[in-house]
Protein backbone atom coordinates (compact mmCIF):
# COMPACT_ATOMS: atom_id res chain seq x y z
CA MET A 1 -82.80 -162.46 85.88
CA ARG A 2 -79.26 -163.56 86.62
CA SER A 3 -75.68 -164.18 84.60
CA GLY A 4 -74.89 -168.07 84.44
CA LEU A 5 -72.21 -169.79 86.53
CA ARG A 6 -68.59 -168.07 86.06
CA THR A 7 -66.36 -170.43 87.62
CA ASN A 8 -62.97 -168.83 86.91
CA GLY A 9 -61.81 -172.27 86.94
CA ASN A 10 -63.26 -173.95 84.26
CA LYS A 11 -60.56 -176.79 83.83
CA PHE A 12 -61.11 -177.70 87.65
CA PHE A 13 -65.21 -177.60 87.51
CA TYR A 14 -66.39 -178.64 84.04
CA MET A 15 -66.11 -182.12 83.18
CA LYS A 16 -67.42 -185.09 80.65
CA ILE A 17 -68.51 -188.62 81.92
CA LEU A 18 -66.44 -190.87 79.92
CA LYS A 19 -67.81 -193.97 81.58
CA ASN A 20 -70.28 -194.95 84.62
CA HIS A 21 -69.77 -197.68 86.90
CA ASP A 22 -72.90 -197.59 89.61
CA GLU A 23 -72.22 -194.48 91.72
CA LEU A 24 -68.81 -194.10 90.39
CA VAL A 25 -67.90 -192.42 87.31
CA TYR A 26 -64.69 -192.13 84.92
CA VAL A 27 -64.49 -188.11 84.11
CA CYS A 28 -62.35 -186.25 81.96
CA ASN A 29 -62.24 -182.38 83.20
CA GLU A 30 -61.50 -179.31 80.51
CA ASP A 31 -58.02 -179.88 81.34
CA LYS A 32 -57.84 -183.26 79.90
CA TYR A 33 -57.59 -185.05 83.01
CA LYS A 34 -59.36 -188.05 83.94
CA PHE A 35 -60.01 -189.63 87.37
CA PHE A 36 -62.84 -191.38 89.49
CA ILE A 37 -65.56 -189.18 91.00
CA GLU A 38 -68.93 -190.06 92.78
CA LYS A 39 -71.75 -189.47 90.22
CA LYS A 40 -73.49 -187.90 93.02
CA TYR A 41 -71.12 -184.59 93.02
CA LEU A 42 -71.96 -183.42 89.87
CA ILE A 43 -74.41 -181.31 88.24
CA PRO A 44 -75.51 -181.13 84.74
CA ILE A 45 -74.84 -177.85 83.30
CA LEU A 46 -75.66 -175.66 80.22
CA ARG A 47 -71.87 -175.28 79.10
CA THR A 48 -72.21 -173.26 75.59
CA PRO A 49 -74.72 -172.56 72.71
CA ARG A 50 -72.50 -175.56 70.73
CA GLU A 51 -74.07 -177.96 73.02
CA LEU A 52 -77.65 -176.58 71.71
CA ASN A 53 -76.92 -177.35 68.17
CA HIS A 54 -79.92 -174.32 67.27
CA SER A 55 -82.61 -176.55 69.03
CA TYR A 56 -85.37 -174.90 70.96
CA GLN A 57 -85.18 -176.87 73.85
CA ILE A 58 -82.39 -178.12 75.89
CA LYS A 59 -82.12 -181.84 75.76
CA LYS A 60 -79.54 -183.99 76.74
CA LEU A 61 -76.58 -182.28 78.66
CA THR A 62 -72.72 -183.58 78.29
CA THR A 63 -71.09 -181.13 80.41
CA TYR A 64 -71.32 -181.42 84.63
CA CYS A 65 -69.84 -178.87 87.33
CA LEU A 66 -68.62 -180.23 90.10
CA TYR A 67 -69.94 -178.61 93.40
CA ILE A 68 -67.83 -179.33 96.47
CA SER A 69 -68.98 -179.16 100.40
CA ASP A 70 -66.48 -179.28 103.64
CA ASP A 71 -68.60 -182.51 104.83
CA ILE A 72 -68.42 -183.78 101.11
CA ILE A 73 -64.27 -183.78 101.28
CA SER A 74 -64.27 -185.43 104.42
CA GLU A 75 -66.46 -188.41 103.15
CA SER A 76 -65.08 -188.71 99.71
CA GLU A 77 -61.21 -189.89 99.00
CA TYR A 78 -61.60 -189.47 95.57
CA ILE A 79 -62.36 -185.43 96.21
CA HIS A 80 -59.95 -185.40 98.23
CA LYS A 81 -57.39 -186.44 95.97
CA TYR A 82 -58.43 -184.31 93.30
CA ILE A 83 -58.49 -181.16 95.30
CA LYS A 84 -54.84 -181.93 96.21
CA GLU A 85 -53.81 -183.22 92.55
CA TYR A 86 -55.22 -179.25 92.07
CA GLU A 87 -53.03 -177.27 94.96
CA ASN A 88 -49.75 -178.96 93.55
CA LYS A 89 -50.41 -177.89 89.65
CA VAL A 90 -48.14 -174.94 88.46
CA ILE A 91 -50.76 -172.25 86.39
CA ILE A 92 -49.24 -170.03 83.73
CA ASN A 93 -51.28 -166.61 84.22
CA ARG A 94 -52.20 -166.08 80.72
CA PHE A 95 -51.71 -162.37 80.74
CA THR A 96 -48.19 -161.84 83.16
CA HIS A 97 -46.93 -165.48 82.19
CA GLU A 98 -46.09 -165.66 85.90
CA LYS A 99 -46.40 -169.34 87.46
CA ILE A 100 -48.53 -169.86 90.36
CA VAL A 101 -48.70 -173.05 91.76
CA GLY A 102 -51.67 -174.43 93.27
CA TYR A 103 -55.53 -173.48 92.35
CA HIS A 104 -55.41 -172.29 95.94
CA ASN A 105 -53.23 -169.29 95.10
CA LYS A 106 -55.07 -168.70 91.78
CA PHE A 107 -58.21 -167.98 93.96
CA SER A 108 -56.41 -165.79 96.66
CA ASN A 109 -59.50 -163.08 96.54
CA LYS A 110 -62.09 -165.50 97.01
CA LYS A 111 -64.54 -165.68 99.68
CA THR A 112 -65.06 -169.14 100.11
CA LYS A 113 -62.51 -171.75 99.67
CA TRP A 114 -61.31 -172.01 96.68
CA TYR A 115 -63.34 -175.05 95.48
CA GLN A 116 -66.60 -174.32 96.52
CA LEU A 117 -69.10 -172.76 94.34
CA HIS A 118 -72.18 -170.93 95.27
CA LEU A 119 -75.20 -172.65 94.58
CA MET A 120 -77.20 -171.71 91.79
CA LYS A 121 -81.34 -171.75 91.10
CA PRO A 122 -81.77 -173.54 88.33
CA ALA A 123 -84.53 -172.16 85.86
CA HIS A 124 -86.50 -172.93 82.19
CA ILE A 125 -85.46 -170.11 80.30
CA PHE A 126 -81.93 -168.79 79.01
CA LEU A 127 -81.28 -165.67 77.68
CA PRO A 128 -78.04 -165.53 75.22
CA HIS A 129 -74.85 -163.04 75.89
CA PHE A 130 -73.86 -162.93 72.29
CA TRP A 131 -75.38 -164.06 69.03
CA ARG A 132 -74.76 -163.82 65.45
CA GLU A 133 -77.24 -165.31 62.60
CA HIS A 134 -78.85 -167.84 64.74
CA ILE A 135 -81.22 -165.71 67.42
CA TYR A 136 -83.32 -167.75 69.99
CA ILE A 137 -84.08 -168.88 73.32
CA PRO A 138 -84.07 -172.25 74.66
CA PHE A 139 -86.37 -173.90 77.10
CA SER A 140 -85.67 -177.03 79.59
CA VAL A 141 -88.60 -178.47 80.97
CA LYS A 142 -86.40 -179.69 83.54
CA PRO A 143 -84.89 -176.29 85.85
CA ILE A 144 -81.27 -176.49 85.47
CA ILE A 145 -78.21 -174.47 85.94
CA SER A 146 -75.94 -172.89 83.04
CA ASP A 147 -72.62 -171.15 82.08
CA ASN A 148 -71.97 -167.36 82.05
CA SER A 149 -72.46 -167.94 78.22
CA PHE A 150 -76.40 -167.58 79.05
CA ILE A 151 -78.43 -165.27 81.20
CA LEU A 152 -80.63 -167.29 83.44
CA VAL A 153 -84.58 -165.88 83.53
CA TYR A 154 -87.29 -166.71 86.39
CA THR A 155 -90.81 -166.59 86.15
CA SER A 156 -94.11 -168.10 87.82
CA ASN A 157 -94.94 -168.62 84.10
CA PRO A 158 -92.10 -169.53 82.14
CA GLU A 159 -93.69 -171.53 79.28
CA LYS A 160 -95.95 -168.37 78.48
CA LEU A 161 -93.12 -165.93 78.84
CA TRP A 162 -90.61 -168.18 76.91
CA LEU A 163 -93.12 -168.23 73.88
CA TYR A 164 -93.22 -164.11 73.94
CA LEU A 165 -89.30 -164.30 74.50
CA ASN A 166 -89.15 -166.20 71.31
CA SER A 167 -91.81 -163.68 69.31
CA THR A 168 -89.90 -161.22 66.51
CA ILE A 169 -90.93 -158.90 68.23
CA PHE A 170 -88.54 -159.70 70.87
CA TYR A 171 -85.99 -160.73 68.83
CA LEU A 172 -86.39 -157.29 66.80
CA THR A 173 -86.06 -155.36 70.40
CA MET A 174 -83.01 -157.53 70.98
CA GLU A 175 -81.47 -155.86 67.98
CA LEU A 176 -82.29 -152.39 68.84
CA TYR A 177 -80.88 -153.23 72.30
CA SER A 178 -77.94 -155.08 71.82
CA ARG A 179 -74.19 -153.57 71.82
CA ARG A 180 -72.28 -154.43 68.42
CA LEU A 181 -69.13 -156.22 68.69
CA GLY A 182 -66.69 -157.58 66.32
CA GLY A 183 -67.32 -159.84 63.91
CA GLY A 184 -71.00 -158.84 63.75
CA VAL A 185 -71.84 -160.50 67.23
CA GLY A 186 -74.79 -158.88 68.81
CA GLU A 187 -74.34 -158.48 73.01
CA CYS A 188 -76.35 -157.96 75.70
CA GLU A 189 -75.82 -158.31 79.28
CA VAL A 190 -78.51 -158.51 82.36
CA ILE A 191 -78.42 -155.07 82.99
CA ASP A 192 -79.18 -154.54 78.85
CA TYR A 193 -82.18 -156.80 79.25
CA ASN A 194 -83.46 -155.06 82.57
CA ILE A 195 -84.38 -152.03 80.51
CA PHE A 196 -85.89 -154.00 77.27
CA PRO A 197 -89.96 -152.87 77.04
CA VAL A 198 -91.95 -155.72 77.08
CA PRO A 199 -95.46 -156.57 77.93
CA SER A 200 -97.08 -156.85 81.23
CA LEU A 201 -97.37 -160.58 82.57
CA ASP A 202 -100.80 -160.11 82.20
CA ILE A 203 -100.63 -159.57 78.48
CA ILE A 204 -97.61 -162.25 77.96
CA ASP A 205 -100.52 -164.85 79.69
CA ARG A 206 -102.63 -164.41 77.12
CA ILE A 207 -100.74 -165.72 74.15
CA ASP A 208 -102.20 -168.73 72.74
CA TYR A 209 -99.50 -170.90 70.90
CA ASP A 210 -98.69 -174.94 71.09
CA MET A 211 -95.49 -174.66 72.86
CA ASN A 212 -94.25 -178.03 71.26
CA LYS A 213 -94.07 -176.66 68.03
CA LEU A 214 -91.78 -174.51 68.77
CA LEU A 215 -89.72 -177.15 71.01
CA ASN A 216 -89.70 -180.02 68.47
CA ARG A 217 -87.74 -177.81 66.08
CA GLN A 218 -84.70 -176.06 65.56
CA SER A 219 -83.85 -172.86 65.21
CA GLN A 220 -83.65 -171.56 61.15
CA VAL A 221 -81.08 -168.71 60.48
CA TYR A 222 -82.66 -165.44 60.58
CA TYR A 223 -83.77 -165.11 56.56
CA ASN A 224 -85.15 -168.43 56.65
CA GLU A 225 -86.86 -168.36 60.06
CA VAL A 226 -89.04 -165.56 59.18
CA ASN A 227 -90.49 -167.75 56.43
CA ASP A 228 -91.21 -170.86 59.05
CA ILE A 229 -94.44 -171.41 58.92
CA ASN A 230 -94.68 -172.04 63.22
CA ARG A 231 -92.83 -168.56 63.26
CA ARG A 232 -96.04 -166.90 61.82
CA GLU A 233 -98.21 -168.43 63.74
CA LEU A 234 -96.73 -167.98 66.83
CA ASP A 235 -95.96 -164.17 66.03
CA ILE A 236 -99.52 -163.96 65.29
CA ALA A 237 -100.69 -165.24 68.56
CA VAL A 238 -98.34 -162.95 70.34
CA LEU A 239 -99.76 -159.74 67.94
CA HIS A 240 -103.55 -160.76 69.79
CA ALA A 241 -102.58 -161.28 72.46
CA LEU A 242 -101.48 -157.91 72.39
CA GLY A 243 -104.90 -156.50 71.40
CA PHE A 244 -104.33 -156.10 67.28
CA SER A 245 -106.90 -157.24 65.27
CA GLU A 246 -106.65 -159.60 62.55
CA ASP A 247 -106.52 -156.67 59.74
CA GLU A 248 -103.84 -154.85 61.76
CA ILE A 249 -101.83 -158.18 62.21
CA ASN A 250 -101.88 -158.88 57.96
CA ASN A 251 -100.64 -155.68 58.13
CA LEU A 252 -97.82 -155.43 60.76
CA LEU A 253 -96.29 -158.99 60.03
CA GLU A 254 -93.99 -158.34 56.91
CA GLN A 255 -93.13 -155.08 57.98
CA LEU A 256 -91.98 -156.71 60.97
CA TYR A 257 -89.86 -159.67 59.38
CA ILE A 258 -88.61 -156.81 56.94
CA ASP A 259 -87.54 -154.75 60.04
CA PHE A 260 -86.11 -157.66 61.63
CA ILE A 261 -83.72 -158.63 58.60
CA THR A 262 -82.58 -155.30 58.15
CA LEU A 263 -81.37 -154.60 61.44
CA VAL A 264 -79.53 -158.02 61.56
CA HIS A 265 -78.33 -157.03 58.02
CA ASN A 266 -76.93 -153.83 59.28
CA ARG A 267 -74.88 -155.55 62.58
CA LEU A 268 -73.41 -158.79 60.10
CA ILE A 269 -72.60 -156.27 57.12
CA LYS A 270 -69.97 -154.67 59.83
CA SER A 271 -67.91 -157.64 60.41
CA GLY A 272 -66.67 -157.44 56.77
CA ARG A 273 -66.36 -161.15 56.22
CA LYS A 274 -66.38 -162.22 52.33
CA ARG A 275 -69.20 -165.18 53.29
CA ASP A 276 -71.52 -162.47 55.40
CA ILE A 277 -71.45 -159.98 52.63
CA ILE A 278 -72.27 -162.45 49.78
CA SER A 279 -75.15 -164.09 52.17
CA LEU A 280 -76.32 -160.89 52.68
CA GLU A 281 -76.57 -159.56 49.19
CA LYS A 282 -78.85 -162.66 48.43
CA THR A 283 -81.24 -162.05 51.03
CA ARG A 284 -81.87 -158.52 50.32
CA GLN A 285 -82.33 -159.71 46.75
CA ARG A 286 -84.81 -161.93 47.63
CA ILE A 287 -86.96 -160.00 50.24
CA ASN A 288 -86.46 -156.70 47.96
CA ILE A 289 -84.66 -154.52 50.71
CA GLU A 290 -83.29 -152.01 49.97
């Protein structure tokens, strides 16, 4: 488990492809600067939760990250020109308002050259750093990298672990162990996830559930998600794997959902936002939470 990529220079490293021209692509970076570059030097990256549109499956990525090595600079005039452009660029420090000339001065404490990033091992599973009403763990069939908005999870059996991480039991754990930020936001860092109580991988491997049922849909806002038939089937499969009997599961399930909704209520109500308060009151009345 590790945090996603932190570039400290997103405007330089992150970009979107505007047009394809065989091996060359015309791109626009997050600084609104447009230029040509060889596509082979760009790596797709999961940039923000907004790109997911609440989908459990990570599909098409639209943001790319530039990875540069010394040998690439010598062979690509496009990258050489791009680097020189930003070594002459005036930057305003957002904290001190001091003017800095060149990104190489902005990254003066970096151990590697300012335009080089450490290679990151791709993953299938991505835990969120932050969440509000939609709580879900996305999965990529093809291993990818992500920005620091996510935490990458590495395991020998990602499909089974991903199912457990999307159970309401794990969502409840997230709510119990999360830090509470302003605006009703929940937050977990790597250090927090590392202390979560979770079953052994041997138990998790027993989960008998078709992951495509989850991959092929979007998550819903938490109080509707617990009423989804696929959600219930997954939770039943997880409880079976944990060793609970049919009778025990029938008694546990509704209480599990009430406890989960109550915890999310308590987090969101502190936001003080009128929209949250009205929504929470309607939900409380519907499921009869005191």
